[in-house]
C-alpha atoms as a PDB file:
ATOM      1  CA  MET A   1     -48.398 -47.819   8.588  1.00  0.00           C
ATOM      2  CA  LEU A   2     -45.326 -45.702   9.466  1.00  0.00           C
ATOM      3  CA  GLU A   3     -44.399 -45.229   5.818  1.00  0.00           C
ATOM      4  CA  GLU A   4     -47.962 -44.195   5.028  1.00  0.00           C
ATOM      5  CA  ALA A   5     -47.888 -41.627   7.848  1.00  0.00           C
ATOM      6  CA  LEU A   6     -44.540 -40.254   6.646  1.00  0.00           C
ATOM      7  CA  ARG A   7     -45.813 -39.959   3.082  1.00  0.00           C
ATOM      8  CA  ARG A   8     -48.892 -38.121   4.288  1.00  0.00           C
ATOM      9  CA  HIS A   9     -46.663 -35.745   6.246  1.00  0.00           C
ATOM     10  CA  VAL A  10     -44.463 -34.761   3.310  1.00  0.00           C
ATOM     11  CA  GLU A  11     -47.401 -34.545   0.910  1.00  0.00           C
ATOM     12  CA  ILE A  12     -49.085 -31.883   3.036  1.00  0.00           C
ATOM     13  CA  SER A  13     -45.787 -30.149   3.823  1.00  0.00           C
ATOM     14  CA  TYR A  14     -44.434 -29.591   0.311  1.00  0.00           C
ATOM     15  CA  THR A  15     -46.343 -28.613  -2.822  1.00  0.00           C
ATOM     16  CA  VAL A  16     -45.763 -30.627  -6.000  1.00  0.00           C
ATOM     17  CA  PRO A  17     -44.754 -29.331  -8.472  1.00  0.00           C
ATOM     18  CA  GLY A  18     -42.384 -26.614  -7.294  1.00  0.00           C
ATOM     19  CA  GLY A  19     -41.694 -27.867  -3.786  1.00  0.00           C
ATOM     20  CA  ALA A  20     -42.855 -24.784  -1.868  1.00  0.00           C
ATOM     21  CA  GLY A  21     -43.610 -25.331   1.812  1.00  0.00           C
ATOM     22  CA  GLU A  22     -43.422 -22.014   3.640  1.00  0.00           C
ATOM     23  CA  CYS A  23     -41.543 -18.816   2.937  1.00  0.00           C
ATOM     24  CA  PRO A  24     -37.930 -19.665   2.015  1.00  0.00           C
ATOM     25  CA  GLY A  25     -36.426 -18.986   5.458  1.00  0.00           C
ATOM     26  CA  TYR A  26     -38.832 -21.221   7.346  1.00  0.00           C
ATOM     27  CA  HIS A  27     -38.752 -23.754   4.513  1.00  0.00           C
ATOM     28  CA  LEU A  28     -34.988 -24.177   4.850  1.00  0.00           C
ATOM     29  CA  TYR A  29     -35.135 -24.197   8.656  1.00  0.00           C
ATOM     30  CA  GLY A  30     -37.829 -26.872   8.659  1.00  0.00           C
ATOM     31  CA  PHE A  31     -36.087 -29.030   6.082  1.00  0.00           C
ATOM     32  CA  GLU A  32     -32.799 -28.909   7.978  1.00  0.00           C
ATOM     33  CA  GLU A  33     -34.684 -30.216  11.010  1.00  0.00           C
ATOM     34  CA  PHE A  34     -36.308 -32.896   8.844  1.00  0.00           C
ATOM     35  CA  GLU A  35     -33.106 -34.217   7.208  1.00  0.00           C
ATOM     36  CA  PRO A  36     -31.925 -36.193  10.305  1.00  0.00           C
ATOM     37  CA  ILE A  37     -35.288 -37.981  10.315  1.00  0.00           C
ATOM     38  CA  ILE A  38     -34.791 -38.913   6.654  1.00  0.00           C
ATOM     39  CA  LYS A  39     -31.422 -40.466   7.553  1.00  0.00           C
ATOM     40  CA  ILE A  40     -32.852 -42.372  10.543  1.00  0.00           C
ATOM     41  CA  VAL A  41     -35.712 -43.774   8.457  1.00  0.00           C
ATOM     42  CA  LYS A  42     -33.260 -44.881   5.768  1.00  0.00           C
ATOM     43  CA  LYS A  43     -30.913 -46.516   8.277  1.00  0.00           C
ATOM     44  CA  HIS A  44     -33.445 -48.373  10.420  1.00  0.00           C
ATOM     45  CA  LEU A  45     -36.400 -48.937   8.067  1.00  0.00           C
ATOM     46  CA  ASN A  46     -34.636 -48.977   4.706  1.00  0.00           C
ATOM     47  CA  ILE A  47     -37.105 -46.408   3.376  1.00  0.00           C
ATOM     48  CA  ASP A  48     -35.417 -43.847   1.141  1.00  0.00           C
ATOM     49  CA  MET A  49     -37.532 -40.716   1.483  1.00  0.00           C
ATOM     50  CA  ASN A  50     -35.151 -38.835  -0.809  1.00  0.00           C
ATOM     51  CA  THR A  51     -36.763 -40.655  -3.747  1.00  0.00           C
ATOM     52  CA  TRP A  52     -40.241 -39.297  -2.923  1.00  0.00           C
ATOM     53  CA  GLU A  53     -41.453 -36.527  -5.220  1.00  0.00           C
ATOM     54  CA  PRO A  54     -42.410 -34.013  -2.470  1.00  0.00           C
ATOM     55  CA  VAL A  55     -38.973 -34.373  -0.836  1.00  0.00           C
ATOM     56  CA  LYS A  56     -37.154 -33.981  -4.159  1.00  0.00           C
ATOM     57  CA  ALA A  57     -39.295 -30.954  -4.962  1.00  0.00           C
ATOM     58  CA  ALA A  58     -38.592 -29.408  -1.542  1.00  0.00           C
ATOM     59  CA  LYS A  59     -34.836 -29.687  -2.178  1.00  0.00           C
ATOM     60  CA  THR A  60     -35.258 -28.135  -5.618  1.00  0.00           C
ATOM     61  CA  PHE A  61     -37.179 -25.214  -4.120  1.00  0.00           C
ATOM     62  CA  ILE A  62     -34.293 -24.520  -1.714  1.00  0.00           C
ATOM     63  CA  SER A  63     -31.622 -24.705  -4.418  1.00  0.00           C
ATOM     64  CA  GLU A  64     -33.532 -22.611  -6.979  1.00  0.00           C
ATOM     65  CA  VAL A  65     -35.100 -19.949  -4.756  1.00  0.00           C
ATOM     66  CA  GLY A  66     -32.227 -19.534  -2.308  1.00  0.00           C
ATOM     67  CA  GLN A  67     -32.748 -17.248   0.696  1.00  0.00           C
ATOM     68  CA  PRO A  68     -34.364 -13.992  -0.417  1.00  0.00           C
ATOM     69  CA  PRO A  69     -34.403 -11.111   2.097  1.00  0.00           C
ATOM     70  CA  HIS A  70     -38.193 -10.905   2.357  1.00  0.00           C
ATOM     71  CA  GLY A  71     -40.974 -12.769   4.124  1.00  0.00           C
ATOM     72  CA  ASP A  72     -39.810 -13.799   7.595  1.00  0.00           C
ATOM     73  CA  THR A  73     -36.544 -12.873   9.280  1.00  0.00           C
ATOM     74  CA  HIS A  74     -35.402 -16.421   9.945  1.00  0.00           C
ATOM     75  CA  HIS A  75     -33.605 -16.818   6.634  1.00  0.00           C
ATOM     76  CA  LYS A  76     -29.903 -17.407   6.337  1.00  0.00           C
ATOM     77  CA  LYS A  77     -27.619 -14.864   4.658  1.00  0.00           C
ATOM     78  CA  PRO A  78     -29.536 -13.820   1.501  1.00  0.00           C
ATOM     79  CA  TYR A  79     -28.529 -15.464  -1.756  1.00  0.00           C
ATOM     80  CA  LYS A  80     -30.400 -15.875  -5.024  1.00  0.00           C
ATOM     81  CA  GLY A  81     -30.183 -19.604  -5.666  1.00  0.00           C
ATOM     82  CA  SER A  82     -29.667 -21.302  -9.016  1.00  0.00           C
ATOM     83  CA  LEU A  83     -32.870 -20.275 -10.828  1.00  0.00           C
ATOM     84  CA  SER A  84     -32.030 -18.447 -14.060  1.00  0.00           C
ATOM     85  CA  LYS A  85     -35.423 -18.338 -15.792  1.00  0.00           C
ATOM     86  CA  THR A  86     -38.960 -17.302 -14.874  1.00  0.00           C
ATOM     87  CA  LYS A  87     -40.796 -20.036 -12.993  1.00  0.00           C
ATOM     88  CA  GLU A  88     -44.041 -20.490 -11.085  1.00  0.00           C
ATOM     89  CA  PHE A  89     -43.920 -22.140  -7.674  1.00  0.00           C
ATOM     90  CA  PRO A  90     -47.506 -23.208  -6.878  1.00  0.00           C
ATOM     91  CA  GLY A  91     -48.543 -22.101  -3.409  1.00  0.00           C
ATOM     92  CA  PHE A  92     -45.721 -19.561  -3.234  1.00  0.00           C
ATOM     93  CA  GLY A  93     -45.910 -17.389  -6.341  1.00  0.00           C
ATOM     94  CA  VAL A  94     -43.688 -16.590  -9.315  1.00  0.00           C
ATOM     95  CA  ILE A  95     -40.023 -15.674  -9.639  1.00  0.00           C
ATOM     96  CA  PHE A  96     -39.244 -13.602 -12.729  1.00  0.00           C
ATOM     97  CA  ASN A  97     -35.769 -13.501 -14.251  1.00  0.00           C
ATOM     98  CA  GLY A  98     -35.055 -10.956 -16.950  1.00  0.00           C
ATOM     99  CA  ALA A  99     -34.690  -7.319 -15.916  1.00  0.00           C
ATOM    100  CA  GLY A 100     -33.029  -8.569 -12.765  1.00  0.00           C
ATOM    101  CA  ARG A 101     -34.751 -11.041 -10.465  1.00  0.00           C
ATOM    102  CA  LEU A 102     -38.230 -10.159  -9.210  1.00  0.00           C
ATOM    103  CA  ASP A 103     -39.956 -12.316  -6.576  1.00  0.00           C
ATOM    104  CA  TRP A 104     -43.747 -12.137  -6.534  1.00  0.00           C
ATOM    105  CA  LYS A 105     -45.686 -13.472  -3.531  1.00  0.00           C
ATOM    106  CA  ALA A 106     -48.843 -14.904  -5.098  1.00  0.00           C
ATOM    107  CA  GLY A 107     -49.704 -18.066  -3.199  1.00  0.00           C
ATOM    108  CA  PRO A 108     -51.632 -18.955  -0.049  1.00  0.00           C
ATOM    109  CA  LEU A 109     -48.657 -20.560   1.768  1.00  0.00           C
ATOM    110  CA  ARG A 110     -48.495 -17.839   4.402  1.00  0.00           C
ATOM    111  CA  GLY A 111     -45.710 -19.110   6.680  1.00  0.00           C
ATOM    112  CA  HIS A 112     -44.813 -15.821   8.376  1.00  0.00           C
ATOM    113  CA  TYR A 113     -45.706 -13.627   5.463  1.00  0.00           C
ATOM    114  CA  HIS A 114     -47.713 -10.653   6.700  1.00  0.00           C
ATOM    115  CA  GLY A 115     -49.412  -7.978   4.634  1.00  0.00           C
ATOM    116  CA  ASP A 116     -47.602  -8.860   1.413  1.00  0.00           C
ATOM    117  CA  GLN A 117     -50.268 -10.613  -0.633  1.00  0.00           C
ATOM    118  CA  LEU A 118     -49.358  -9.979  -4.311  1.00  0.00           C
ATOM    119  CA  SER A 119     -46.325  -7.943  -3.212  1.00  0.00           C
ATOM    120  CA  LEU A 120     -43.078  -7.914  -5.206  1.00  0.00           C
ATOM    121  CA  HIS A 121     -39.394  -7.800  -4.287  1.00  0.00           C
ATOM    122  CA  TRP A 122     -37.096  -6.592  -7.083  1.00  0.00           C
ATOM    123  CA  TRP A 123     -33.599  -7.548  -5.970  1.00  0.00           C
ATOM    124  CA  GLY A 124     -31.418  -4.496  -5.406  1.00  0.00           C
ATOM    125  CA  LYS A 125     -34.160  -2.087  -6.479  1.00  0.00           C
ATOM    126  CA  ALA A 126     -37.580  -2.485  -4.809  1.00  0.00           C
ATOM    127  CA  VAL A 127     -37.553  -3.872  -1.260  1.00  0.00           C
ATOM    128  CA  ASP A 128     -40.368  -5.932   0.212  1.00  0.00           C
ATOM    129  CA  HIS A 129     -39.736  -5.356   3.907  1.00  0.00           C
ATOM    130  CA  ALA A 130     -39.028  -8.539   5.844  1.00  0.00           C
ATOM    131  CA  VAL A 131     -41.406  -9.085   8.748  1.00  0.00           C
ATOM    132  CA  SER A 132     -39.178  -8.777  11.759  1.00  0.00           C
ATOM    133  CA  TYR A 133     -40.705  -8.994  15.204  1.00  0.00           C
ATOM    134  CA  SER A 134     -39.680  -5.525  16.338  1.00  0.00           C
ATOM    135  CA  PRO A 135     -40.629  -3.402  14.528  1.00  0.00           C
ATOM    136  CA  ARG A 136     -43.109  -5.503  12.616  1.00  0.00           C
ATOM    137  CA  PRO A 137     -44.215  -4.295   9.140  1.00  0.00           C
ATOM    138  CA  ASP A 138     -47.502  -6.194   9.037  1.00  0.00           C
ATOM    139  CA  GLN A 139     -49.218  -3.301   7.300  1.00  0.00           C
ATOM    140  CA  GLU A 140     -50.028  -3.861   3.638  1.00  0.00           C
ATOM    141  CA  HIS A 141     -48.880  -0.341   2.745  1.00  0.00           C
ATOM    142  CA  MET A 142     -45.392  -1.316   3.988  1.00  0.00           C
ATOM    143  CA  HIS A 143     -45.118  -3.745   1.069  1.00  0.00           C
ATOM    144  CA  ASN A 144     -44.901  -3.265  -2.693  1.00  0.00           C
ATOM    145  CA  ARG A 145     -48.564  -3.697  -3.547  1.00  0.00           C
ATOM    146  CA  VAL A 146     -51.854  -1.809  -3.540  1.00  0.00           C
ATOM    147  CA  ALA A 147     -53.341  -0.944  -0.148  1.00  0.00           C
ATOM    148  CA  PHE A 148     -57.009  -0.032   0.260  1.00  0.00           C
ATOM    149  CA  THR A 149     -58.719   2.373   2.658  1.00  0.00           C
ATOM    150  CA  PRO A 150     -62.307   3.548   3.215  1.00  0.00           C
ATOM    151  CA  ASP A 151     -63.326   7.135   3.901  1.00  0.00           C
ATOM    152  CA  GLY A 152     -62.098   8.307   7.303  1.00  0.00           C
ATOM    153  CA  TRP A 153     -59.137   5.924   7.471  1.00  0.00           C
ATOM    154  CA  GLU A 154     -55.640   6.509   6.149  1.00  0.00           C
ATOM    155  CA  TYR A 155     -54.206   2.977   6.478  1.00  0.00           C
ATOM    156  CA  ALA A 156     -55.863  -0.440   6.477  1.00  0.00           C
ATOM    157  CA  ASN A 157     -55.310  -4.147   5.705  1.00  0.00           C
ATOM    158  CA  MET A 158     -57.666  -6.226   3.593  1.00  0.00           C
ATOM    159  CA  ASN A 159     -55.861  -9.523   4.389  1.00  0.00           C
ATOM    160  CA  GLY A 160     -57.105 -12.602   2.503  1.00  0.00           C
ATOM    161  CA  TYR A 161     -55.342 -15.559   0.863  1.00  0.00           C
ATOM    162  CA  GLU A 162     -53.850 -14.756  -2.517  1.00  0.00           C
ATOM    163  CA  ARG A 163     -53.205 -17.173  -5.365  1.00  0.00           C
ATOM    164  CA  THR A 164     -51.792 -17.281  -8.878  1.00  0.00           C
ATOM    165  CA  ILE A 165     -54.651 -17.657 -11.366  1.00  0.00           C
ATOM    166  CA  ALA A 166     -52.664 -17.524 -14.629  1.00  0.00           C
ATOM    167  CA  PHE A 167     -49.038 -17.968 -15.705  1.00  0.00           C
ATOM    168  CA  LYS A 168     -47.320 -18.118 -19.092  1.00  0.00           C
ATOM    169  CA  ALA A 169     -43.665 -17.844 -20.120  1.00  0.00           C
ATOM    170  CA  SER A 170     -42.548 -17.210 -23.693  1.00  0.00           C
ATOM    171  CA  PRO A 171     -39.539 -15.880 -25.660  1.00  0.00           C
ATOM    172  CA  VAL A 172     -41.083 -12.382 -25.897  1.00  0.00           C
ATOM    173  CA  ALA A 173     -42.714 -11.981 -22.468  1.00  0.00           C
ATOM    174  CA  ASP A 174     -43.439 -13.784 -19.196  1.00  0.00           C
ATOM    175  CA  ALA A 175     -46.799 -13.028 -17.585  1.00  0.00           C
ATOM    176  CA  ALA A 176     -48.635 -13.949 -14.396  1.00  0.00           C
ATOM    177  CA  ILE A 177     -51.915 -12.917 -12.786  1.00  0.00           C
ATOM    178  CA  GLY A 178     -52.753 -13.190  -9.091  1.00  0.00           C
ATOM    179  CA  GLN A 179     -55.816 -12.353  -7.027  1.00  0.00           C
ATOM    180  CA  VAL A 180     -56.974 -11.923  -3.430  1.00  0.00           C
ATOM    181  CA  GLU A 181     -60.400 -11.106  -1.927  1.00  0.00           C
ATOM    182  CA  SER A 182     -61.785  -9.810   1.355  1.00  0.00           C
ATOM    183  CA  ASN A 183     -65.111  -8.795   2.888  1.00  0.00           C
ATOM    184  CA  ARG A 184     -63.668  -6.414   5.480  1.00  0.00           C
ATOM    185  CA  LEU A 185     -60.829  -3.994   6.233  1.00  0.00           C
ATOM    186  CA  ARG A 186     -58.788  -3.620   9.433  1.00  0.00           C
ATOM    187  CA  LYS A 187     -57.487  -0.226  10.498  1.00  0.00           C
ATOM    188  CA  GLN A 188     -53.679  -0.004  10.763  1.00  0.00           C
ATOM    189  CA  PRO A 189     -51.080   2.404  12.183  1.00  0.00           C
ATOM    190  CA  LYS A 190     -48.844   4.334   9.792  1.00  0.00           C
ATOM    191  CA  VAL A 191     -45.481   2.795  10.699  1.00  0.00           C
ATOM    192  CA  PRO A 192     -44.367  -0.575  12.141  1.00  0.00           C
ATOM    193  CA  GLU A 193     -43.063   1.138  15.295  1.00  0.00           C
ATOM    194  CA  ASN A 194     -46.693   1.771  16.260  1.00  0.00           C
ATOM    195  CA  TYR A 195     -47.870  -1.743  15.514  1.00  0.00           C
ATOM    196  CA  ILE A 196     -49.147  -3.719  18.507  1.00  0.00           C
ATOM    197  CA  TRP A 197     -48.427  -7.460  18.423  1.00  0.00           C
ATOM    198  CA  GLN A 198     -51.742  -9.327  18.350  1.00  0.00           C
ATOM    199  CA  GLY A 199     -53.498  -6.058  19.006  1.00  0.00           C
ATOM    200  CA  LYS A 200     -57.182  -5.467  18.365  1.00  0.00           C
ATOM    201  CA  TRP A 201     -57.778  -3.104  15.443  1.00  0.00           C
ATOM    202  CA  ASP A 202     -61.021  -1.525  14.317  1.00  0.00           C
ATOM    203  CA  GLU A 203     -62.716  -3.449  11.529  1.00  0.00           C
ATOM    204  CA  LYS A 204     -65.071  -2.310   8.805  1.00  0.00           C
ATOM    205  CA  ASP A 205     -67.356  -4.769   7.059  1.00  0.00           C
ATOM    206  CA  LEU A 206     -67.648  -4.069   3.344  1.00  0.00           C
ATOM    207  CA  SER A 207     -70.940  -3.839   1.490  1.00  0.00           C
ATOM    208  CA  GLU A 208     -69.588  -6.213  -1.147  1.00  0.00           C
ATOM    209  CA  THR A 209     -66.474  -8.319  -1.657  1.00  0.00           C
ATOM    210  CA  LEU A 210     -63.278  -6.397  -2.436  1.00  0.00           C
ATOM    211  CA  VAL A 211     -61.302  -8.157  -5.178  1.00  0.00           C
ATOM    212  CA  TYR A 212     -57.690  -7.135  -5.856  1.00  0.00           C
ATOM    213  CA  ARG A 213     -56.012  -8.502  -8.986  1.00  0.00           C
ATOM    214  CA  ARG A 214     -52.421  -7.910 -10.079  1.00  0.00           C
ATOM    215  CA  THR A 215     -50.877  -8.716 -13.456  1.00  0.00           C
ATOM    216  CA  ILE A 216     -47.085  -8.693 -13.883  1.00  0.00           C
ATOM    217  CA  ILE A 217     -45.470  -8.929 -17.321  1.00  0.00           C
ATOM    218  CA  LEU A 218     -41.741  -9.180 -17.979  1.00  0.00           C
ATOM    219  CA  VAL A 219     -41.270  -7.625 -21.427  1.00  0.00           C
ATOM    220  CA  LYS A 220     -38.225  -9.076 -23.195  1.00  0.00           C
ATOM    221  CA  SER A 221     -37.286  -6.328 -25.645  1.00  0.00           C
ATOM    222  CA  SER A 222     -34.152  -4.293 -26.323  1.00  0.00           C
ATOM    223  CA  LYS A 223     -35.044  -2.497 -23.080  1.00  0.00           C
ATOM    224  CA  THR A 224     -36.244  -5.255 -20.770  1.00  0.00           C
ATOM    225  CA  TYR A 225     -38.682  -4.076 -18.125  1.00  0.00           C
ATOM    226  CA  TYR A 226     -41.722  -5.018 -16.049  1.00  0.00           C
ATOM    227  CA  VAL A 227     -45.314  -3.951 -16.593  1.00  0.00           C
ATOM    228  CA  ILE A 228     -47.630  -4.106 -13.585  1.00  0.00           C
ATOM    229  CA  ARG A 229     -51.379  -3.786 -13.851  1.00  0.00           C
ATOM    230  CA  ASP A 230     -53.329  -3.477 -10.606  1.00  0.00           C
ATOM    231  CA  GLN A 231     -57.109  -3.793 -10.659  1.00  0.00           C
ATOM    232  CA  HIS A 232     -59.764  -3.889  -7.981  1.00  0.00           C
ATOM    233  CA  TRP A 233     -63.528  -4.040  -7.908  1.00  0.00           C
ATOM    234  CA  GLY A 234     -66.185  -4.108  -5.238  1.00  0.00           C
ATOM    235  CA  PRO A 235     -66.942  -1.178  -2.877  1.00  0.00           C
ATOM    236  CA  GLU A 236     -65.715   2.335  -3.588  1.00  0.00           C
ATOM    237  CA  LEU A 237     -62.369   2.777  -1.806  1.00  0.00           C
ATOM    238  CA  THR A 238     -59.092   4.655  -2.076  1.00  0.00           C
ATOM    239  CA  ALA A 239     -56.414   2.480  -3.673  1.00  0.00           C
ATOM    240  CA  ALA A 240     -52.748   3.354  -3.020  1.00  0.00           C
ATOM    241  CA  PHE A 241     -49.946   1.877  -5.123  1.00  0.00           C
ATOM    242  CA  CYS A 242     -47.110   1.461  -2.576  1.00  0.00           C
ATOM    243  CA  LEU A 243     -43.471   1.092  -3.567  1.00  0.00           C
ATOM    244  CA  HIS A 244     -40.397   0.937  -1.299  1.00  0.00           C
ATOM    245  CA  THR A 245     -37.032   1.178  -3.060  1.00  0.00           C
ATOM    246  CA  LYS A 246     -33.275   1.219  -2.535  1.00  0.00           C
ATOM    247  CA  GLY A 247     -33.043   4.273  -4.770  1.00  0.00           C
ATOM    248  CA  SER A 248     -30.833   7.279  -4.176  1.00  0.00           C
ATOM    249  CA  LYS A 249     -33.585   9.842  -4.731  1.00  0.00           C
ATOM    250  CA  VAL A 250     -37.299  10.377  -5.373  1.00  0.00           C
ATOM    251  CA  SER A 251     -38.144  12.725  -8.235  1.00  0.00           C
ATOM    252  CA  TRP A 252     -41.834  13.044  -9.234  1.00  0.00           C
ATOM    253  CA  ASN A 253     -42.656  14.923 -12.445  1.00  0.00           C
ATOM    254  CA  LYS A 254     -46.212  15.527 -11.169  1.00  0.00           C
ATOM    255  CA  LYS A 255     -47.663  13.565 -14.043  1.00  0.00           C
ATOM    256  CA  ASP A 256     -46.488  10.067 -14.943  1.00  0.00           C
ATOM    257  CA  LYS A 257     -42.912   9.370 -13.791  1.00  0.00           C
ATOM    258  CA  VAL A 258     -41.042   8.761 -10.542  1.00  0.00           C
ATOM    259  CA  ASP A 259     -37.249   8.556 -10.834  1.00  0.00           C
ATOM    260  CA  PHE A 260     -35.503   6.713  -7.973  1.00  0.00           C
ATOM    261  CA  GLY A 261     -32.010   6.885  -9.459  1.00  0.00           C
ATOM    262  CA  ASN A 262     -31.563   3.111  -9.632  1.00  0.00           C
ATOM    263  CA  MET A 263     -34.913   2.587 -11.360  1.00  0.00           C
ATOM    264  CA  ALA A 264     -37.843   4.492 -12.813  1.00  0.00           C
ATOM    265  CA  LEU A 265     -41.586   4.110 -12.433  1.00  0.00           C
ATOM    266  CA  TYR A 266     -43.890   5.165 -15.271  1.00  0.00           C
ATOM    267  CA  ILE A 267     -47.651   5.423 -14.908  1.00  0.00           C
ATOM    268  CA  THR A 268     -50.058   4.933 -17.796  1.00  0.00           C
ATOM    269  CA  GLY A 269     -53.790   5.405 -17.964  1.00  0.00           C
ATOM    270  CA  SER A 270     -56.128   8.388 -17.859  1.00  0.00           C
ATOM    271  CA  SER A 271     -56.447   8.712 -14.062  1.00  0.00           C
ATOM    272  CA  GLN A 272     -54.083  11.128 -12.307  1.00  0.00           C
ATOM    273  CA  PRO A 273     -52.953   9.682  -8.939  1.00  0.00           C
ATOM    274  CA  SER A 274     -52.102  11.756  -5.895  1.00  0.00           C
ATOM    275  CA  PHE A 275     -48.447  11.504  -4.838  1.00  0.00           C
ATOM    276  CA  LYS A 276     -46.995  11.134  -1.350  1.00  0.00           C
ATOM    277  CA  ARG A 277     -43.499  10.232  -0.105  1.00  0.00           C
ATOM    278  CA  PHE A 278     -43.214   7.308   2.287  1.00  0.00           C
ATOM    279  CA  ASP A 279     -39.606   6.759   3.377  1.00  0.00           C
ATOM    280  CA  TRP A 280     -38.847   4.341   6.196  1.00  0.00           C
ATOM    281  CA  SER A 281     -35.845   2.724   7.868  1.00  0.00           C
ATOM    282  CA  ASN A 282     -36.073  -0.748   9.397  1.00  0.00           C
ATOM    283  CA  SER A 283     -33.894  -0.563  12.497  1.00  0.00           C
ATOM    284  CA  GLY A 284     -35.100  -3.878  13.934  1.00  0.00           C
ATOM    285  CA  SER A 285     -32.523  -6.295  15.355  1.00  0.00           C
ATOM    286  CA  GLY A 286     -29.865  -3.587  15.259  1.00  0.00           C
ATOM    287  CA  LYS A 287     -30.106  -3.244  11.474  1.00  0.00           C
ATOM    288  CA  ASN A 288     -30.581  -0.104   9.447  1.00  0.00           C
ATOM    289  CA  ASP A 289     -32.265  -0.670   6.107  1.00  0.00           C
ATOM    290  CA  PRO A 290     -33.442   2.720   4.803  1.00  0.00           C
ATOM    291  CA  THR A 291     -35.805   2.810   1.839  1.00  0.00           C
ATOM    292  CA  LYS A 292     -37.282   5.577  -0.257  1.00  0.00           C
ATOM    293  CA  GLY A 293     -40.957   4.985  -0.851  1.00  0.00           C
ATOM    294  CA  VAL A 294     -43.998   6.455  -2.549  1.00  0.00           C
ATOM    295  CA  ARG A 295     -47.790   6.147  -2.386  1.00  0.00           C
ATOM    296  CA  LEU A 296     -49.744   6.841  -5.570  1.00  0.00           C
ATOM    297  CA  SER A 297     -53.434   6.982  -4.696  1.00  0.00           C
ATOM    298  CA  ILE A 298     -56.654   6.930  -6.681  1.00  0.00           C
ATOM    299  CA  LYS A 299     -60.171   7.019  -5.303  1.00  0.00           C
ATOM    300  CA  GLY A 300     -62.597   5.091  -7.480  1.00  0.00           C
ATOM    301  CA  LYS A 301     -65.468   7.140  -8.895  1.00  0.00           C
ATOM    302  CA  ARG A 302     -67.897   4.861 -10.579  1.00  0.00           C
ATOM    303  CA  GLN A 303     -68.595   7.125 -13.496  1.00  0.00           C
ATOM    304  CA  ASN A 304     -64.882   7.085 -14.363  1.00  0.00           C
ATOM    305  CA  LEU A 305     -64.295   3.351 -14.029  1.00  0.00           C
ATOM    306  CA  SER A 306     -63.805   1.073 -16.990  1.00  0.00           C
ATOM    307  CA  ARG A 307     -66.179  -1.846 -17.436  1.00  0.00           C
ATOM    308  CA  TYR A 308     -64.987  -5.406 -17.882  1.00  0.00           C
ATOM    309  CA  CYS A 309     -67.473  -8.249 -18.208  1.00  0.00           C
ATOM    310  CA  GLY A 310     -70.219  -6.037 -16.835  1.00  0.00           C
ATOM    311  CA  ARG A 311     -68.333  -5.096 -13.679  1.00  0.00           C
ATOM    312  CA  GLN A 312     -66.745  -1.783 -12.806  1.00  0.00           C
ATOM    313  CA  VAL A 313     -62.991  -2.078 -12.395  1.00  0.00           C
ATOM    314  CA  GLN A 314     -60.478   0.531 -11.246  1.00  0.00           C
ATOM    315  CA  SER A 315     -57.183  -0.029 -13.068  1.00  0.00           C
ATOM    316  CA  LEU A 316     -53.724   1.491 -12.540  1.00  0.00           C
ATOM    317  CA  PRO A 317     -51.118   0.146 -14.994  1.00  0.00           C
ATOM    318  CA  VAL A 318     -47.492   1.099 -14.298  1.00  0.00           C
ATOM    319  CA  HIS A 319     -44.122   0.354 -15.854  1.00  0.00           C
ATOM    320  CA  LEU A 320     -41.029  -0.459 -13.800  1.00  0.00           C
ATOM    321  CA  PHE A 321     -37.763   0.126 -15.649  1.00  0.00           C
ATOM    322  CA  PRO A 322     -34.167  -0.303 -14.613  1.00  0.00           C
ATOM    323  CA  ALA A 323     -32.347   3.037 -14.611  1.00  0.00           C
ATOM    324  CA  VAL A 324     -33.272   4.676 -17.922  1.00  0.00           C
ATOM    325  CA  SER A 325     -33.732   8.245 -19.061  1.00  0.00           C
ATOM    326  CA  LYS A 326     -36.321   7.742 -21.805  1.00  0.00           C
ATOM    327  CA  LEU A 327     -39.699   6.063 -21.643  1.00  0.00           C
ATOM    328  CA  VAL A 328     -40.529   3.476 -24.280  1.00  0.00           C
ATOM    329  CA  ARG A 329     -44.294   3.011 -24.137  1.00  0.00           C
ATOM    330  CA  MET A 330     -45.342  -0.540 -24.937  1.00  0.00           C
ATOM    331  CA  LYS A 331     -49.109  -0.404 -24.506  1.00  0.00           C
ATOM    332  CA  SER A 332     -49.529  -3.415 -26.765  1.00  0.00           C
ATOM    333  CA  TYR A 333     -48.036  -5.537 -23.982  1.00  0.00           C
ATOM    334  CA  LEU A 334     -50.827  -4.640 -21.567  1.00  0.00           C
ATOM    335  CA  PRO A 335     -53.369  -7.429 -21.102  1.00  0.00           C
ATOM    336  CA  THR A 336     -56.490  -7.341 -23.229  1.00  0.00           C
ATOM    337  CA  ARG A 337     -59.944  -7.023 -21.683  1.00  0.00           C
ATOM    338  CA  GLU A 338     -60.538 -10.705 -22.213  1.00  0.00           C
ATOM    339  CA  GLN A 339     -57.303 -11.626 -20.432  1.00  0.00           C
ATOM    340  CA  THR A 340     -58.018  -9.510 -17.355  1.00  0.00           C
ATOM    341  CA  SER A 341     -61.763  -9.784 -17.016  1.00  0.00           C
ATOM    342  CA  PRO A 342     -62.956 -10.527 -13.478  1.00  0.00           C
ATOM    343  CA  VAL A 343     -63.837 -14.107 -12.744  1.00  0.00           C
ATOM    344  CA  GLN A 344     -67.591 -14.459 -12.273  1.00  0.00           C
END
C-alpha cells in the first residue's frame, strides 16, 4: 500500500517523458526535499525509487534544463544545464538550441509562472522577467509574448493554460506551436511597482473565445535565427508584441526593423504596427536588472485579416536575429496555411 501511494505521488508530480514538475527553481527545490525520503524508503523498505521512470525523468530535467533566470525567483545561481539540442519537455514547453539557447514556456505546469504563457527567454539577449514578489511582474506585457487589450484599456491579462500542440526537430529547422485561450480579460497596471498582490482587477467578458497561437522556428542556415509567428482570433482587440532585451540601444527604422545592438528584430507582413518603447529595471530584492523593451501593436480590422479554415486570423510574423547588419528574408520557412490553421 505504501509503495502504491509513493508511486502515485511521483506519477502526478513529474511528467513522463521529459520529467517536468514545476518551473525549474521550484522543481529543484522540491526534489532536494524529496531526496532524503528516497533514501529512507530504500534503507527501511528496500524500495529503490531511483529506478522509477518519473524519478529518473525528474533528475534528467534538472540536469538538462539547469536553473534558468526566469519563472520564479527561487532558483539557484542560473546555469544552462547539459542540454545541447532542441527538446520538448511536455507540460513545460520547448528549449531551442541553435542561435543561442531559447526557452519557451508552452505548458500548463504553472508553478509560480505568472503572465508568461507562450513567452520566450533568449539567454543573454531577450529577458523573460522572473516573477519576484516585490515588485511582481505578473502582467503579460512584462513578458516576451503578445498581450491583448480591448478599447478603453491600455494593459490587460488574458490568463489561461497554454500547451504545446505541435513539435518537430530536423537538420534544417526545429519548429513548435503553442496555444492558449481565454473568455475574459483582466485590467492591469503598467508596471510591476503598481501591482497589488491578490488585488481585485476589473474584468471584461469577451463576446467569443480569444485564442492566441505562437509558432517558433529555429532556422538552421548559414545565418541561424528564429522566426516567430503570433496569431490570434476571436473578438476584435489590440494585440501588442512585447519584447524585453539586454540590448545596448533601441533603434526603430519606422518600418520593419528594431536594432537592439546585441540582436535585431525584423517584422514581415503587410500590417504596419505602432511602435512604443517600454524600458524597465527590476530592482526587487536589491537587484538592478535593466532591460530595453518595445511594444509593437496592431488592432485587428476584420476586413484586413487573413482567413484560415474559414476563421479570421490576425497574424504578425517576426524574425529574431543575433547581431547582424543585413536582413536575409526566409519567407519559405514560415508555416503554411495548413500547418497553422486554427483547430476547430
